[in-house]
C-alpha atoms as a PDB file:
ATOM      1  CA  MET A   1      -0.185   0.151  -0.243  1.00  0.00           C
ATOM      2  CA  ILE A   2       2.855   2.274   0.448  1.00  0.00           C
ATOM      3  CA  GLY A   3       4.776   1.582  -2.870  1.00  0.00           C
ATOM      4  CA  LEU A   4       3.113   4.242  -4.637  1.00  0.00           C
ATOM      5  CA  PRO A   5       3.782   7.191  -2.200  1.00  0.00           C
ATOM      6  CA  VAL A   6       7.048   6.387  -1.463  1.00  0.00           C
ATOM      7  CA  LEU A   7       7.843   5.608  -5.141  1.00  0.00           C
ATOM      8  CA  ILE A   8       6.166   9.249  -5.916  1.00  0.00           C
ATOM      9  CA  GLU A   9       8.105  10.501  -2.661  1.00  0.00           C
ATOM     10  CA  LEU A  10      11.077   9.539  -4.080  1.00  0.00           C
ATOM     11  CA  VAL A  11      10.805  10.504  -8.048  1.00  0.00           C
ATOM     12  CA  LEU A  12       9.428  14.139  -6.880  1.00  0.00           C
ATOM     13  CA  VAL A  13      11.473  15.071  -3.826  1.00  0.00           C
ATOM     14  CA  TRP A  14      14.430  12.721  -3.691  1.00  0.00           C
ATOM     15  CA  PHE A  15      15.572  12.359  -7.080  1.00  0.00           C
ATOM     16  CA  PRO A  16      15.309  16.380  -7.382  1.00  0.00           C
ATOM     17  CA  ALA A  17      17.085  16.791  -4.425  1.00  0.00           C
ATOM     18  CA  VAL A  18      20.042  14.073  -5.241  1.00  0.00           C
ATOM     19  CA  ALA A  19      20.448  15.533  -8.667  1.00  0.00           C
ATOM     20  CA  SER A  20      20.539  19.204  -7.570  1.00  0.00           C
ATOM     21  CA  ILE A  21      23.403  17.941  -5.255  1.00  0.00           C
ATOM     22  CA  GLY A  22      24.839  16.452  -8.302  1.00  0.00           C
ATOM     23  CA  LEU A  23      24.403  19.373 -10.576  1.00  0.00           C
ATOM     24  CA  SER A  24      26.172  21.898  -7.788  1.00  0.00           C
ATOM     25  CA  PHE A  25      29.307  20.461  -8.965  1.00  0.00           C
ATOM     26  CA  GLY A  26      29.117  20.740 -12.697  1.00  0.00           C
ATOM     27  CA  SER A  27      28.298  23.508 -15.139  1.00  0.00           C
ATOM     28  CA  TRP A  28      25.519  23.256 -18.075  1.00  0.00           C
ATOM     29  CA  ASN A  29      23.038  25.268 -19.463  1.00  0.00           C
ATOM     30  CA  GLY A  30      20.270  22.789 -19.158  1.00  0.00           C
ATOM     31  CA  VAL A  31      20.542  21.957 -23.245  1.00  0.00           C
ATOM     32  CA  GLY A  32      21.336  18.745 -24.293  1.00  0.00           C
ATOM     33  CA  GLY A  33      22.328  14.930 -22.190  1.00  0.00           C
ATOM     34  CA  VAL A  34      24.321  14.715 -19.646  1.00  0.00           C
ATOM     35  CA  ASP A  35      26.924  14.148 -21.352  1.00  0.00           C
ATOM     36  CA  LYS A  36      27.297  17.914 -21.736  1.00  0.00           C
ATOM     37  CA  ILE A  37      27.698  18.601 -18.197  1.00  0.00           C
ATOM     38  CA  LYS A  38      31.553  19.824 -17.619  1.00  0.00           C
ATOM     39  CA  TRP A  39      32.242  18.791 -13.828  1.00  0.00           C
ATOM     40  CA  VAL A  40      34.266  21.745 -12.161  1.00  0.00           C
ATOM     41  CA  GLY A  41      34.367  20.505  -8.407  1.00  0.00           C
ATOM     42  CA  ALA A  42      33.677  23.421  -5.849  1.00  0.00           C
ATOM     43  CA  THR A  43      33.952  26.206  -8.425  1.00  0.00           C
ATOM     44  CA  ASN A  44      30.375  27.058  -8.133  1.00  0.00           C
ATOM     45  CA  PHE A  45      30.163  27.360  -4.340  1.00  0.00           C
ATOM     46  CA  GLU A  46      33.408  29.576  -4.710  1.00  0.00           C
ATOM     47  CA  ASN A  47      31.988  32.074  -6.997  1.00  0.00           C
ATOM     48  CA  VAL A  48      28.754  31.748  -5.057  1.00  0.00           C
ATOM     49  CA  VAL A  49      30.236  33.092  -1.919  1.00  0.00           C
ATOM     50  CA  GLN A  50      33.316  35.401  -2.864  1.00  0.00           C
ATOM     51  CA  VAL A  51      32.372  36.460  -6.471  1.00  0.00           C
ATOM     52  CA  ASP A  52      28.243  36.877  -6.521  1.00  0.00           C
ATOM     53  CA  PRO A  53      27.578  40.311  -5.239  1.00  0.00           C
ATOM     54  CA  ASN A  54      24.076  39.192  -4.739  1.00  0.00           C
ATOM     55  CA  PHE A  55      24.921  36.400  -2.422  1.00  0.00           C
ATOM     56  CA  TRP A  56      25.213  37.926   0.980  1.00  0.00           C
ATOM     57  CA  PRO A  57      22.787  40.106   1.124  1.00  0.00           C
ATOM     58  CA  ALA A  58      20.440  37.573  -0.213  1.00  0.00           C
ATOM     59  CA  LEU A  59      21.325  35.156   2.876  1.00  0.00           C
ATOM     60  CA  GLN A  60      20.669  38.351   4.943  1.00  0.00           C
ATOM     61  CA  HIS A  61      17.512  38.972   3.490  1.00  0.00           C
ATOM     62  CA  ASN A  62      16.231  34.964   4.175  1.00  0.00           C
ATOM     63  CA  LEU A  63      17.988  35.179   7.694  1.00  0.00           C
ATOM     64  CA  ILE A  64      16.061  38.140   8.559  1.00  0.00           C
ATOM     65  CA  TRP A  65      12.811  36.812   6.833  1.00  0.00           C
ATOM     66  CA  LEU A  66      12.668  33.908   8.857  1.00  0.00           C
ATOM     67  CA  VAL A  67      13.426  35.699  12.649  1.00  0.00           C
ATOM     68  CA  PHE A  68      10.999  38.223  11.947  1.00  0.00           C
ATOM     69  CA  LEU A  69       8.417  34.874  11.148  1.00  0.00           C
ATOM     70  CA  ALA A  70       9.891  33.208  14.063  1.00  0.00           C
ATOM     71  CA  VAL A  71       9.735  35.948  16.618  1.00  0.00           C
ATOM     72  CA  ILE A  72       6.997  38.234  15.701  1.00  0.00           C
ATOM     73  CA  ALA A  73       4.248  36.367  13.146  1.00  0.00           C
ATOM     74  CA  THR A  74       4.038  33.241  14.644  1.00  0.00           C
ATOM     75  CA  PRO A  75       3.947  34.623  17.990  1.00  0.00           C
ATOM     76  CA  LEU A  76       1.116  36.623  17.046  1.00  0.00           C
ATOM     77  CA  GLY A  77      -1.172  33.008  15.521  1.00  0.00           C
ATOM     78  CA  ILE A  78      -0.595  31.428  18.684  1.00  0.00           C
ATOM     79  CA  LEU A  79      -2.059  34.909  20.345  1.00  0.00           C
ATOM     80  CA  LEU A  80      -5.183  34.756  18.018  1.00  0.00           C
ATOM     81  CA  ALA A  81      -5.916  31.277  18.553  1.00  0.00           C
ATOM     82  CA  VAL A  82      -5.653  31.710  22.255  1.00  0.00           C
ATOM     83  CA  LEU A  83      -7.540  34.611  21.861  1.00  0.00           C
ATOM     84  CA  LEU A  84     -10.124  33.285  20.074  1.00  0.00           C
ATOM     85  CA  ASP A  85     -10.470  29.772  21.342  1.00  0.00           C
ATOM     86  CA  ARG A  86     -12.407  31.434  23.838  1.00  0.00           C
ATOM     87  CA  GLU A  87     -15.449  30.930  21.961  1.00  0.00           C
ATOM     88  CA  PHE A  88     -17.458  34.790  22.591  1.00  0.00           C
ATOM     89  CA  ALA A  89     -19.811  35.448  20.192  1.00  0.00           C
ATOM     90  CA  GLY A  90     -18.131  36.181  17.082  1.00  0.00           C
ATOM     91  CA  SER A  91     -15.425  34.476  17.287  1.00  0.00           C
ATOM     92  CA  ARG A  92     -15.957  31.681  14.351  1.00  0.00           C
ATOM     93  CA  LEU A  93     -16.397  34.891  12.308  1.00  0.00           C
ATOM     94  CA  LEU A  94     -12.939  36.070  13.427  1.00  0.00           C
ATOM     95  CA  GLN A  95     -11.632  33.010  12.786  1.00  0.00           C
ATOM     96  CA  SER A  96     -12.804  33.071   9.302  1.00  0.00           C
ATOM     97  CA  ILE A  97     -11.504  36.217   8.430  1.00  0.00           C
ATOM     98  CA  PHE A  98      -8.190  35.758   9.658  1.00  0.00           C
ATOM     99  CA  PHE A  99      -7.975  32.649   8.211  1.00  0.00           C
ATOM    100  CA  MET A 100      -8.926  33.956   4.300  1.00  0.00           C
ATOM    101  CA  PRO A 101      -5.531  35.075   3.448  1.00  0.00           C
ATOM    102  CA  VAL A 102      -4.106  31.339   4.120  1.00  0.00           C
ATOM    103  CA  MET A 103      -6.243  30.064   1.181  1.00  0.00           C
ATOM    104  CA  PHE A 104      -4.863  33.096  -1.272  1.00  0.00           C
ATOM    105  CA  SER A 105      -1.569  32.422  -3.002  1.00  0.00           C
ATOM    106  CA  LEU A 106       1.146  34.259  -2.198  1.00  0.00           C
ATOM    107  CA  ALA A 107       1.328  36.193  -5.615  1.00  0.00           C
ATOM    108  CA  LEU A 108      -1.776  37.152  -5.019  1.00  0.00           C
ATOM    109  CA  ILE A 109      -1.430  38.201  -1.576  1.00  0.00           C
ATOM    110  CA  GLY A 110       1.165  40.569  -3.336  1.00  0.00           C
ATOM    111  CA  VAL A 111      -0.349  42.229  -5.993  1.00  0.00           C
ATOM    112  CA  ILE A 112      -3.468  42.588  -2.963  1.00  0.00           C
ATOM    113  CA  TRP A 113      -0.190  44.598  -0.896  1.00  0.00           C
ATOM    114  CA  GLN A 114       1.102  46.271  -3.874  1.00  0.00           C
ATOM    115  CA  LEU A 115      -2.065  48.521  -3.565  1.00  0.00           C
ATOM    116  CA  VAL A 116      -2.533  49.008  -0.336  1.00  0.00           C
ATOM    117  CA  PHE A 117       1.560  50.044  -0.547  1.00  0.00           C
ATOM    118  CA  SER A 118       1.220  51.681  -3.301  1.00  0.00           C
ATOM    119  CA  PRO A 119       3.633  55.468  -3.575  1.00  0.00           C
ATOM    120  CA  GLU A 120       0.398  57.150  -4.856  1.00  0.00           C
ATOM    121  CA  GLN A 121      -2.621  55.835  -4.559  1.00  0.00           C
ATOM    122  CA  GLY A 122      -1.935  53.103  -1.577  1.00  0.00           C
ATOM    123  CA  LEU A 123      -4.267  52.983   1.609  1.00  0.00           C
ATOM    124  CA  ILE A 124      -1.324  53.374   4.425  1.00  0.00           C
ATOM    125  CA  ASN A 125       0.360  56.443   2.266  1.00  0.00           C
ATOM    126  CA  GLY A 126      -3.520  57.831   1.853  1.00  0.00           C
ATOM    127  CA  ALA A 127      -4.212  56.859   5.480  1.00  0.00           C
ATOM    128  CA  PHE A 128      -1.136  59.001   6.752  1.00  0.00           C
ATOM    129  CA  GLY A 129      -0.729  61.385   4.027  1.00  0.00           C
ATOM    130  CA  THR A 130       2.365  60.364   3.219  1.00  0.00           C
ATOM    131  CA  SER A 131       4.393  59.858   0.155  1.00  0.00           C
ATOM    132  CA  VAL A 132       6.907  56.963   1.014  1.00  0.00           C
ATOM    133  CA  ASP A 133       7.460  53.980  -2.084  1.00  0.00           C
ATOM    134  CA  TRP A 134       7.083  51.163   0.711  1.00  0.00           C
ATOM    135  CA  PHE A 135       7.867  48.513  -1.929  1.00  0.00           C
ATOM    136  CA  GLY A 136      10.742  51.087  -4.128  1.00  0.00           C
ATOM    137  CA  ASP A 137      13.191  52.253  -1.355  1.00  0.00           C
ATOM    138  CA  PRO A 138      15.714  49.468  -0.623  1.00  0.00           C
ATOM    139  CA  SER A 139      16.170  50.193   3.045  1.00  0.00           C
ATOM    140  CA  ILE A 140      12.645  49.620   3.536  1.00  0.00           C
ATOM    141  CA  ASN A 141      10.872  47.562   0.930  1.00  0.00           C
ATOM    142  CA  ILE A 142      12.137  44.050   3.175  1.00  0.00           C
ATOM    143  CA  TRP A 143       9.847  45.242   5.990  1.00  0.00           C
ATOM    144  CA  ALA A 144       7.124  46.049   3.306  1.00  0.00           C
ATOM    145  CA  ALA A 145       7.237  43.024   2.195  1.00  0.00           C
ATOM    146  CA  LEU A 146       7.412  41.579   5.461  1.00  0.00           C
ATOM    147  CA  VAL A 147       4.342  42.337   6.781  1.00  0.00           C
ATOM    148  CA  ALA A 148       2.604  41.513   3.481  1.00  0.00           C
ATOM    149  CA  ALA A 149       3.835  37.707   4.400  1.00  0.00           C
ATOM    150  CA  SER A 150       3.031  37.827   7.605  1.00  0.00           C
ATOM    151  CA  TRP A 151      -0.432  38.368   6.521  1.00  0.00           C
ATOM    152  CA  LYS A 152      -0.374  34.796   5.155  1.00  0.00           C
ATOM    153  CA  HIS A 153       1.310  33.290   8.049  1.00  0.00           C
ATOM    154  CA  ILE A 154      -0.486  34.166  11.285  1.00  0.00           C
ATOM    155  CA  GLY A 155      -3.918  33.246   9.570  1.00  0.00           C
ATOM    156  CA  TYR A 156      -1.888  29.625   9.083  1.00  0.00           C
ATOM    157  CA  ILE A 157      -0.100  29.435  12.585  1.00  0.00           C
ATOM    158  CA  MET A 158      -3.627  30.352  14.155  1.00  0.00           C
ATOM    159  CA  ILE A 159      -5.572  27.728  13.078  1.00  0.00           C
ATOM    160  CA  LEU A 160      -2.949  24.847  13.497  1.00  0.00           C
ATOM    161  CA  TYR A 161      -2.919  26.183  16.868  1.00  0.00           C
ATOM    162  CA  LEU A 162      -6.745  26.502  17.522  1.00  0.00           C
ATOM    163  CA  ALA A 163      -6.631  22.486  16.570  1.00  0.00           C
ATOM    164  CA  GLY A 164      -4.432  21.663  18.453  1.00  0.00           C
ATOM    165  CA  LEU A 165      -6.001  23.492  21.719  1.00  0.00           C
ATOM    166  CA  LYS A 166      -9.046  21.970  20.936  1.00  0.00           C
ATOM    167  CA  GLY A 167      -6.795  18.668  21.715  1.00  0.00           C
ATOM    168  CA  VAL A 168      -5.489  19.552  24.822  1.00  0.00           C
ATOM    169  CA  ASP A 169      -6.935  17.501  27.868  1.00  0.00           C
ATOM    170  CA  PRO A 170      -9.617  19.786  29.692  1.00  0.00           C
ATOM    171  CA  SER A 171      -8.409  17.903  33.255  1.00  0.00           C
ATOM    172  CA  LEU A 172      -5.198  19.365  32.687  1.00  0.00           C
ATOM    173  CA  ARG A 173      -6.436  23.021  32.374  1.00  0.00           C
ATOM    174  CA  GLU A 174      -8.910  22.241  35.587  1.00  0.00           C
ATOM    175  CA  ALA A 175      -5.925  20.790  37.526  1.00  0.00           C
ATOM    176  CA  ALA A 176      -3.999  23.810  37.050  1.00  0.00           C
ATOM    177  CA  ALA A 177      -6.593  26.221  38.030  1.00  0.00           C
ATOM    178  CA  LEU A 178      -7.066  24.032  41.112  1.00  0.00           C
ATOM    179  CA  ASP A 179      -3.697  24.491  42.044  1.00  0.00           C
ATOM    180  CA  GLY A 180      -3.807  28.417  41.894  1.00  0.00           C
ATOM    181  CA  ALA A 181      -2.244  28.762  38.804  1.00  0.00           C
ATOM    182  CA  THR A 182      -3.296  32.014  36.483  1.00  0.00           C
ATOM    183  CA  ALA A 183      -4.142  31.907  32.359  1.00  0.00           C
ATOM    184  CA  SER A 184      -0.674  32.762  31.770  1.00  0.00           C
ATOM    185  CA  GLN A 185       0.826  30.003  34.043  1.00  0.00           C
ATOM    186  CA  THR A 186      -1.306  27.559  32.963  1.00  0.00           C
ATOM    187  CA  PHE A 187      -1.064  28.068  28.860  1.00  0.00           C
ATOM    188  CA  PHE A 188       3.062  27.982  29.566  1.00  0.00           C
ATOM    189  CA  ARG A 189       3.618  25.608  31.711  1.00  0.00           C
ATOM    190  CA  VAL A 190       0.555  23.111  31.289  1.00  0.00           C
ATOM    191  CA  VAL A 191      -0.743  24.130  27.857  1.00  0.00           C
ATOM    192  CA  PHE A 192       1.893  24.898  25.214  1.00  0.00           C
ATOM    193  CA  PRO A 193       4.136  21.893  26.781  1.00  0.00           C
ATOM    194  CA  ALA A 194       0.944  19.230  25.782  1.00  0.00           C
ATOM    195  CA  MET A 195       1.055  20.641  22.408  1.00  0.00           C
ATOM    196  CA  ARG A 196       4.366  19.545  21.675  1.00  0.00           C
ATOM    197  CA  PRO A 197       3.145  17.448  18.042  1.00  0.00           C
ATOM    198  CA  ILE A 198       1.923  20.803  16.955  1.00  0.00           C
ATOM    199  CA  ASN A 199       5.010  23.562  18.490  1.00  0.00           C
ATOM    200  CA  VAL A 200       7.367  20.694  16.126  1.00  0.00           C
ATOM    201  CA  VAL A 201       4.814  21.408  13.082  1.00  0.00           C
ATOM    202  CA  VAL A 202       4.720  25.124  13.494  1.00  0.00           C
ATOM    203  CA  VAL A 203       8.784  25.393  13.564  1.00  0.00           C
ATOM    204  CA  VAL A 204       9.077  23.254  10.559  1.00  0.00           C
ATOM    205  CA  ILE A 205       6.393  25.400   8.758  1.00  0.00           C
ATOM    206  CA  THR A 206       8.392  28.727   9.862  1.00  0.00           C
ATOM    207  CA  VAL A 207      11.497  27.531   8.864  1.00  0.00           C
ATOM    208  CA  ILE A 208      10.020  26.251   5.263  1.00  0.00           C
ATOM    209  CA  GLU A 209       8.075  29.469   4.561  1.00  0.00           C
ATOM    210  CA  ALA A 210      11.214  31.513   5.462  1.00  0.00           C
ATOM    211  CA  LEU A 211      13.398  30.496   2.857  1.00  0.00           C
ATOM    212  CA  ARG A 212      11.017  28.975   0.100  1.00  0.00           C
ATOM    213  CA  ALA A 213       9.922  33.206   0.411  1.00  0.00           C
ATOM    214  CA  PHE A 214       9.689  33.893  -3.492  1.00  0.00           C
ATOM    215  CA  ASP A 215       6.447  35.027  -5.012  1.00  0.00           C
ATOM    216  CA  ILE A 216       6.100  38.034  -2.751  1.00  0.00           C
ATOM    217  CA  VAL A 217       9.450  40.013  -3.953  1.00  0.00           C
ATOM    218  CA  TRP A 218       9.083  38.076  -7.375  1.00  0.00           C
ATOM    219  CA  ILE A 219       5.501  40.022  -7.921  1.00  0.00           C
ATOM    220  CA  ILE A 220       7.643  43.568  -6.346  1.00  0.00           C
ATOM    221  CA  ASN A 221      10.288  43.831  -8.562  1.00  0.00           C
ATOM    222  CA  LYS A 222      11.640  40.138  -9.016  1.00  0.00           C
ATOM    223  CA  GLY A 223      13.522  40.295  -5.974  1.00  0.00           C
ATOM    224  CA  THR A 224      15.955  43.156  -7.191  1.00  0.00           C
ATOM    225  CA  ASN A 225      16.885  46.348  -5.177  1.00  0.00           C
ATOM    226  CA  GLY A 226      17.023  45.348  -1.693  1.00  0.00           C
ATOM    227  CA  LEU A 227      14.304  41.960  -1.541  1.00  0.00           C
ATOM    228  CA  GLN A 228      17.447  39.459  -3.346  1.00  0.00           C
ATOM    229  CA  LEU A 229      16.046  36.195  -1.920  1.00  0.00           C
ATOM    230  CA  LEU A 230      18.582  32.590  -2.068  1.00  0.00           C
ATOM    231  CA  SER A 231      15.242  31.461  -4.277  1.00  0.00           C
ATOM    232  CA  THR A 232      15.096  34.598  -6.500  1.00  0.00           C
ATOM    233  CA  MET A 233      18.459  33.869  -7.335  1.00  0.00           C
ATOM    234  CA  ILE A 234      17.596  30.241  -8.348  1.00  0.00           C
ATOM    235  CA  VAL A 235      15.228  31.057 -10.425  1.00  0.00           C
ATOM    236  CA  THR A 236      17.073  33.512 -12.299  1.00  0.00           C
ATOM    237  CA  ASN A 237      20.526  32.139 -12.775  1.00  0.00           C
ATOM    238  CA  SER A 238      18.621  28.584 -13.463  1.00  0.00           C
ATOM    239  CA  GLY A 239      15.854  30.267 -16.431  1.00  0.00           C
ATOM    240  CA  ALA A 240      17.349  32.274 -18.653  1.00  0.00           C
ATOM    241  CA  ALA A 241      20.647  32.290 -18.171  1.00  0.00           C
ATOM    242  CA  GLY A 242      21.223  28.924 -18.277  1.00  0.00           C
ATOM    243  CA  ARG A 243      23.699  28.704 -15.220  1.00  0.00           C
ATOM    244  CA  VAL A 244      22.096  24.998 -14.197  1.00  0.00           C
ATOM    245  CA  GLY A 245      25.065  23.996 -12.115  1.00  0.00           C
ATOM    246  CA  TYR A 246      25.476  27.446 -10.322  1.00  0.00           C
ATOM    247  CA  ALA A 247      21.333  27.373  -9.716  1.00  0.00           C
ATOM    248  CA  SER A 248      22.058  23.800  -7.971  1.00  0.00           C
ATOM    249  CA  ALA A 249      25.025  25.549  -5.660  1.00  0.00           C
ATOM    250  CA  LEU A 250      22.458  28.047  -4.582  1.00  0.00           C
ATOM    251  CA  ALA A 251      19.759  25.382  -4.274  1.00  0.00           C
ATOM    252  CA  VAL A 252      22.017  23.303  -1.896  1.00  0.00           C
ATOM    253  CA  ILE A 253      23.064  25.855   0.471  1.00  0.00           C
ATOM    254  CA  LEU A 254      19.472  27.153   1.344  1.00  0.00           C
ATOM    255  CA  LEU A 255      19.115  23.203   1.775  1.00  0.00           C
ATOM    256  CA  VAL A 256      21.929  23.661   4.261  1.00  0.00           C
ATOM    257  CA  VAL A 257      20.371  26.673   5.699  1.00  0.00           C
ATOM    258  CA  ALA A 258      16.790  25.190   6.057  1.00  0.00           C
ATOM    259  CA  LEU A 259      18.387  21.732   7.678  1.00  0.00           C
ATOM    260  CA  VAL A 260      20.181  23.490  10.628  1.00  0.00           C
ATOM    261  CA  PRO A 261      17.794  25.178  12.164  1.00  0.00           C
ATOM    262  CA  ILE A 262      14.955  21.781  11.877  1.00  0.00           C
ATOM    263  CA  VAL A 263      17.765  19.263  12.748  1.00  0.00           C
ATOM    264  CA  SER A 264      18.327  20.806  15.279  1.00  0.00           C
ATOM    265  CA  TYR A 265      14.669  21.322  17.282  1.00  0.00           C
ATOM    266  CA  LEU A 266      13.739  17.753  16.025  1.00  0.00           C
ATOM    267  CA  SER A 267      17.309  16.794  17.629  1.00  0.00           C
ATOM    268  CA  GLN A 268      16.724  18.628  20.716  1.00  0.00           C
ATOM    269  CA  ALA A 269      12.679  18.051  20.860  1.00  0.00           C
ATOM    270  CA  PHE A 270      12.917  13.803  20.616  1.00  0.00           C
ATOM    271  CA  LYS A 271      15.928  14.126  23.124  1.00  0.00           C
ATOM    272  CA  GLU A 272      13.046  15.398  25.570  1.00  0.00           C
ATOM    273  CA  ASN A 273      10.588  12.777  24.567  1.00  0.00           C
ATOM    274  CA  ARG A 274      12.995  10.033  25.487  1.00  0.00           C
END
C-alpha cells in the first residue's frame, strides 16, 4: 500500500534533491544530455560565496525573513488562537476572517499589498498623508514585504494552534486552576508543552515558509533592489541565464540553511521525549 506514495516521494522529492547536489558540482546550460555537463568541482560554490554580489544580501534577507516570522508573526498567530479559542460571540467569524489570507496564493497577496503600499494611491500613504515608496525604497521594502507575508502566515499558525488547543485534555486546565495557576501560567507551563506535536510542525513550517519565500518579492520587483532572496537567485540563474550548475549550488546552500534549525530543533524535541 505504501509502495506508490514512496515511489512518488522518490521521483518528485528525493531524485530532484540528489540531482541538484550532483549538478552543483558541474557547469551545464540545461540543453542536451548529461554528457554535456562539465564537472568543475567546488567552483560554483566558490563563485557564489566570493564573487556574486547578491549572495550575502540574499542570505541576510532570508535570515531576517526567518527571524521575523519566528519572533513576530508566529507568536501573533498563537496569541490569536488563544484569544479566539474562548468561543465568545463572533469568534467563529473572526477565525474565518483571519484564516482567509491562507487561501490566497502568495502571488495574489503580493498584488493586494502592492495596492495597499502604492506610493501614490495606496491605503497606507492615503491614511497617513505620506508619499513613501514602500516597495521601491531598498532600505524599507524588505519590511513591507515581511508585513505582507506575515498576513498569511499568522492565519496559518492560528488555525494550527486552534486545532491543537481543541485537543488538549480539559482536565489539565482544571488541575492547574485547582493549584492556583493563572491563565498565563496554565498556558505556558501546561497547555503549550502538551501541544508538542503542533509545536514541532509549526517550527518546521516557519523555517520552510521563510526560506522558500519567493512569490511576493517576485511580484514586487523580481528579487532586486533590496529584495534579493536565495530563491529568486536560483530562478534567475536557472532560467534564461542557463546556469543550471550555479543555480544548483545556490539550492544546496539554501537546503543546508533550512536543515540546520530544523534538525537542531527536532533533535532537541526527540531527546526530551526519551
